[in-house]
Amino acid sequence: MEIICNEELKEIKNTLRDDDIFNMIQDKRSKLNSYLLKVLAEERSKEEEREKLYNSTKDLMEKKRLEKIISMERSHSSERILSLNE
């Protein structure tokens, strides 16, 4: 995903009208929202797979091991989602 810095924004603003800038921002916002929805769908799918794996496991030692792995995966997923909202 391309990120525009403040210097680039100043240059763009000097060459565009306000409504052009507004439309560009709306377009970027829309693309970011679409990407965020895609990421959320991926993470939901991963969570469903984690739950299936955990629930299908009968061995208590394996469940404990999976709990640690799942906890780390959830933390990574959470960080990924939060970083998109910054």
N, C-alpha and C. Protein backbone atom coordinates (compact mmCIF):
# COMPACT_ATOMS: atom_id res chain seq x y z
N MET A 1 0.84 -1.17 0.00
CA MET A 1 0.00 0.00 0.00
C MET A 1 0.89 1.24 0.00
N GLU A 2 0.61 2.15 -0.89
CA GLU A 2 1.41 3.38 -1.03
C GLU A 2 0.99 4.40 0.00
N ILE A 3 1.97 5.01 0.65
CA ILE A 3 1.71 6.05 1.64
C ILE A 3 2.32 7.35 1.14
N ILE A 4 1.55 8.42 1.25
CA ILE A 4 2.00 9.73 0.78
C ILE A 4 2.48 10.53 1.98
N CYS A 5 3.67 11.12 1.88
CA CYS A 5 4.21 11.93 2.98
C CYS A 5 3.70 13.37 2.86
N ASN A 6 3.96 14.15 3.89
CA ASN A 6 3.47 15.54 3.94
C ASN A 6 4.02 16.40 2.81
N GLU A 7 5.28 16.20 2.46
CA GLU A 7 5.88 16.97 1.36
C GLU A 7 5.12 16.73 0.05
N GLU A 8 4.84 15.46 -0.20
CA GLU A 8 4.11 15.11 -1.43
C GLU A 8 2.70 15.71 -1.40
N LEU A 9 2.07 15.71 -0.22
CA LEU A 9 0.74 16.29 -0.11
C LEU A 9 0.75 17.78 -0.41
N LYS A 10 1.78 18.48 0.03
CA LYS A 10 1.88 19.91 -0.25
C LYS A 10 2.02 20.16 -1.75
N GLU A 11 2.85 19.36 -2.41
CA GLU A 11 3.02 19.50 -3.86
C GLU A 11 1.71 19.23 -4.59
N ILE A 12 1.04 18.18 -4.19
CA ILE A 12 -0.23 17.82 -4.82
C ILE A 12 -1.25 18.93 -4.60
N LYS A 13 -1.31 19.45 -3.40
CA LYS A 13 -2.29 20.49 -3.08
C LYS A 13 -2.07 21.74 -3.92
N ASN A 14 -0.84 22.06 -4.22
CA ASN A 14 -0.54 23.24 -5.03
C ASN A 14 -0.98 23.09 -6.48
N THR A 15 -1.16 21.86 -6.93
CA THR A 15 -1.53 21.65 -8.34
C THR A 15 -2.98 21.22 -8.53
N LEU A 16 -3.68 20.92 -7.46
CA LEU A 16 -5.05 20.42 -7.59
C LEU A 16 -6.06 21.33 -6.90
N ARG A 17 -7.29 21.23 -7.35
CA ARG A 17 -8.38 21.95 -6.70
C ARG A 17 -8.83 21.17 -5.47
N ASP A 18 -9.55 21.84 -4.60
CA ASP A 18 -10.01 21.21 -3.36
C ASP A 18 -10.87 19.97 -3.62
N ASP A 19 -11.76 20.05 -4.61
CA ASP A 19 -12.61 18.89 -4.87
C ASP A 19 -11.81 17.72 -5.43
N ASP A 20 -10.73 17.99 -6.17
CA ASP A 20 -9.86 16.92 -6.65
C ASP A 20 -9.16 16.24 -5.47
N ILE A 21 -8.69 17.06 -4.55
CA ILE A 21 -8.02 16.52 -3.35
C ILE A 21 -9.01 15.69 -2.54
N PHE A 22 -10.21 16.20 -2.37
CA PHE A 22 -11.23 15.47 -1.63
C PHE A 22 -11.50 14.11 -2.27
N ASN A 23 -11.63 14.10 -3.59
CA ASN A 23 -11.89 12.85 -4.31
C ASN A 23 -10.74 11.86 -4.17
N MET A 24 -9.52 12.37 -4.19
CA MET A 24 -8.35 11.50 -4.03
C MET A 24 -8.33 10.89 -2.63
N ILE A 25 -8.64 11.70 -1.64
CA ILE A 25 -8.66 11.21 -0.26
C ILE A 25 -9.76 10.17 -0.09
N GLN A 26 -10.91 10.46 -0.65
CA GLN A 26 -12.02 9.49 -0.59
C GLN A 26 -11.64 8.17 -1.25
N ASP A 27 -10.95 8.25 -2.38
CA ASP A 27 -10.52 7.05 -3.08
C ASP A 27 -9.54 6.25 -2.23
N LYS A 28 -8.57 6.93 -1.63
CA LYS A 28 -7.60 6.26 -0.74
C LYS A 28 -8.32 5.62 0.44
N ARG A 29 -9.26 6.34 1.02
CA ARG A 29 -10.02 5.83 2.16
C ARG A 29 -10.80 4.58 1.77
N SER A 30 -11.41 4.63 0.61
CA SER A 30 -12.19 3.49 0.12
C SER A 30 -11.29 2.26 -0.09
N LYS A 31 -10.12 2.49 -0.69
CA LYS A 31 -9.19 1.38 -0.91
C LYS A 31 -8.69 0.80 0.40
N LEU A 32 -8.39 1.67 1.36
CA LEU A 32 -7.94 1.21 2.66
C LEU A 32 -9.04 0.41 3.37
N ASN A 33 -10.27 0.89 3.30
CA ASN A 33 -11.39 0.17 3.90
C ASN A 33 -11.58 -1.20 3.26
N SER A 34 -11.47 -1.26 1.94
CA SER A 34 -11.59 -2.54 1.24
C SER A 34 -10.49 -3.50 1.67
N TYR A 35 -9.28 -2.97 1.79
CA TYR A 35 -8.16 -3.80 2.22
C TYR A 35 -8.37 -4.28 3.66
N LEU A 36 -8.84 -3.40 4.51
CA LEU A 36 -9.10 -3.77 5.90
C LEU A 36 -10.16 -4.86 5.98
N LEU A 37 -11.21 -4.76 5.19
CA LEU A 37 -12.24 -5.80 5.17
C LEU A 37 -11.67 -7.13 4.70
N LYS A 38 -10.78 -7.08 3.72
CA LYS A 38 -10.14 -8.30 3.24
C LYS A 38 -9.29 -8.94 4.34
N VAL A 39 -8.52 -8.12 5.03
CA VAL A 39 -7.68 -8.62 6.13
C VAL A 39 -8.55 -9.20 7.24
N LEU A 40 -9.64 -8.53 7.58
CA LEU A 40 -10.54 -9.02 8.62
C LEU A 40 -11.14 -10.37 8.23
N ALA A 41 -11.51 -10.52 6.97
CA ALA A 41 -12.05 -11.80 6.50
C ALA A 41 -10.99 -12.90 6.59
N GLU A 42 -9.75 -12.58 6.22
CA GLU A 42 -8.66 -13.55 6.32
C GLU A 42 -8.45 -13.96 7.77
N GLU A 43 -8.43 -12.99 8.66
CA GLU A 43 -8.18 -13.28 10.07
C GLU A 43 -9.35 -14.07 10.69
N ARG A 44 -10.55 -13.79 10.27
CA ARG A 44 -11.71 -14.55 10.75
C ARG A 44 -11.60 -16.01 10.30
N SER A 45 -11.19 -16.21 9.07
CA SER A 45 -11.01 -17.56 8.55
C SER A 45 -9.93 -18.31 9.33
N LYS A 46 -8.83 -17.62 9.61
CA LYS A 46 -7.75 -18.23 10.39
C LYS A 46 -8.24 -18.60 11.79
N GLU A 47 -9.05 -17.74 12.38
CA GLU A 47 -9.58 -18.01 13.72
C GLU A 47 -10.49 -19.24 13.70
N GLU A 48 -11.30 -19.36 12.67
CA GLU A 48 -12.17 -20.53 12.56
C GLU A 48 -11.34 -21.81 12.45
N GLU A 49 -10.25 -21.75 11.69
CA GLU A 49 -9.36 -22.91 11.57
C GLU A 49 -8.70 -23.24 12.91
N ARG A 50 -8.29 -22.22 13.64
CA ARG A 50 -7.69 -22.45 14.96
C ARG A 50 -8.69 -23.14 15.88
N GLU A 51 -9.93 -22.66 15.87
CA GLU A 51 -10.96 -23.24 16.73
C GLU A 51 -11.23 -24.70 16.36
N LYS A 52 -11.30 -24.98 15.07
CA LYS A 52 -11.53 -26.36 14.62
C LYS A 52 -10.40 -27.27 15.09
N LEU A 53 -9.18 -26.82 14.89
CA LEU A 53 -8.02 -27.61 15.29
C LEU A 53 -8.03 -27.85 16.80
N TYR A 54 -8.26 -26.81 17.56
CA TYR A 54 -8.26 -26.93 19.01
C TYR A 54 -9.38 -27.87 19.48
N ASN A 55 -10.58 -27.67 18.95
CA ASN A 55 -11.72 -28.49 19.37
C ASN A 55 -11.60 -29.95 18.94
N SER A 56 -10.86 -30.20 17.89
CA SER A 56 -10.71 -31.59 17.44
C SER A 56 -9.59 -32.33 18.17
N THR A 57 -8.82 -31.60 18.95
CA THR A 57 -7.70 -32.20 19.67
C THR A 57 -8.20 -32.76 21.00
N LYS A 58 -7.86 -34.02 21.26
CA LYS A 58 -8.30 -34.68 22.49
C LYS A 58 -7.21 -34.70 23.56
N ASP A 59 -5.97 -34.76 23.15
CA ASP A 59 -4.84 -34.86 24.06
C ASP A 59 -4.65 -33.54 24.83
N LEU A 60 -4.63 -33.63 26.16
CA LEU A 60 -4.52 -32.42 26.98
C LEU A 60 -3.19 -31.70 26.80
N MET A 61 -2.11 -32.44 26.66
CA MET A 61 -0.80 -31.81 26.44
C MET A 61 -0.78 -31.07 25.11
N GLU A 62 -1.37 -31.67 24.10
CA GLU A 62 -1.44 -31.03 22.78
C GLU A 62 -2.32 -29.79 22.85
N LYS A 63 -3.40 -29.85 23.61
CA LYS A 63 -4.26 -28.68 23.76
C LYS A 63 -3.50 -27.52 24.41
N LYS A 64 -2.70 -27.84 25.43
CA LYS A 64 -1.90 -26.80 26.09
C LYS A 64 -0.91 -26.18 25.10
N ARG A 65 -0.28 -27.02 24.30
CA ARG A 65 0.66 -26.53 23.29
C ARG A 65 -0.05 -25.65 22.28
N LEU A 66 -1.22 -26.11 21.83
CA LEU A 66 -2.01 -25.33 20.87
C LEU A 66 -2.46 -23.99 21.46
N GLU A 67 -2.80 -23.97 22.74
CA GLU A 67 -3.22 -22.73 23.39
C GLU A 67 -2.13 -21.66 23.28
N LYS A 68 -0.89 -22.07 23.48
CA LYS A 68 0.24 -21.13 23.38
C LYS A 68 0.39 -20.63 21.95
N ILE A 69 0.32 -21.54 21.00
CA ILE A 69 0.46 -21.17 19.59
C ILE A 69 -0.68 -20.25 19.16
N ILE A 70 -1.89 -20.63 19.54
CA ILE A 70 -3.07 -19.84 19.18
C ILE A 70 -2.99 -18.44 19.79
N SER A 71 -2.53 -18.37 21.02
CA SER A 71 -2.39 -17.08 21.68
C SER A 71 -1.42 -16.18 20.90
N MET A 72 -0.31 -16.73 20.47
CA MET A 72 0.66 -15.94 19.69
C MET A 72 0.07 -15.52 18.35
N GLU A 73 -0.65 -16.43 17.70
CA GLU A 73 -1.26 -16.11 16.41
C GLU A 73 -2.31 -15.02 16.55
N ARG A 74 -3.09 -15.09 17.61
CA ARG A 74 -4.11 -14.07 17.85
C ARG A 74 -3.47 -12.71 18.10
N SER A 75 -2.39 -12.72 18.85
CA SER A 75 -1.67 -11.47 19.13
C SER A 75 -1.15 -10.86 17.83
N HIS A 76 -0.58 -11.70 16.97
CA HIS A 76 -0.07 -11.22 15.68
C HIS A 76 -1.22 -10.66 14.83
N SER A 77 -2.34 -11.36 14.82
CA SER A 77 -3.50 -10.91 14.06
C SER A 77 -4.00 -9.56 14.56
N SER A 78 -4.05 -9.44 15.87
CA SER A 78 -4.51 -8.19 16.47
C SER A 78 -3.58 -7.03 16.10
N GLU A 79 -2.29 -7.26 16.19
CA GLU A 79 -1.31 -6.22 15.82
C GLU A 79 -1.46 -5.84 14.35
N ARG A 80 -1.67 -6.83 13.51
CA ARG A 80 -1.83 -6.58 12.07
C ARG A 80 -3.04 -5.67 11.82
N ILE A 81 -4.14 -5.99 12.46
CA ILE A 81 -5.36 -5.21 12.26
C ILE A 81 -5.20 -3.79 12.83
N LEU A 82 -4.64 -3.69 14.02
CA LEU A 82 -4.46 -2.38 14.63
C LEU A 82 -3.52 -1.49 13.82
N SER A 83 -2.49 -2.08 13.23
CA SER A 83 -1.55 -1.29 12.44
C SER A 83 -2.22 -0.69 11.19
N LEU A 84 -3.25 -1.36 10.70
CA LEU A 84 -3.96 -0.83 9.53
C LEU A 84 -4.84 0.35 9.90
N ASN A 85 -5.20 0.46 11.17
CA ASN A 85 -6.07 1.54 11.62
C ASN A 85 -5.32 2.77 12.09
N GLU A 86 -4.00 2.75 12.03
CA GLU A 86 -3.22 3.90 12.47
C GLU A 86 -3.18 4.99 11.44
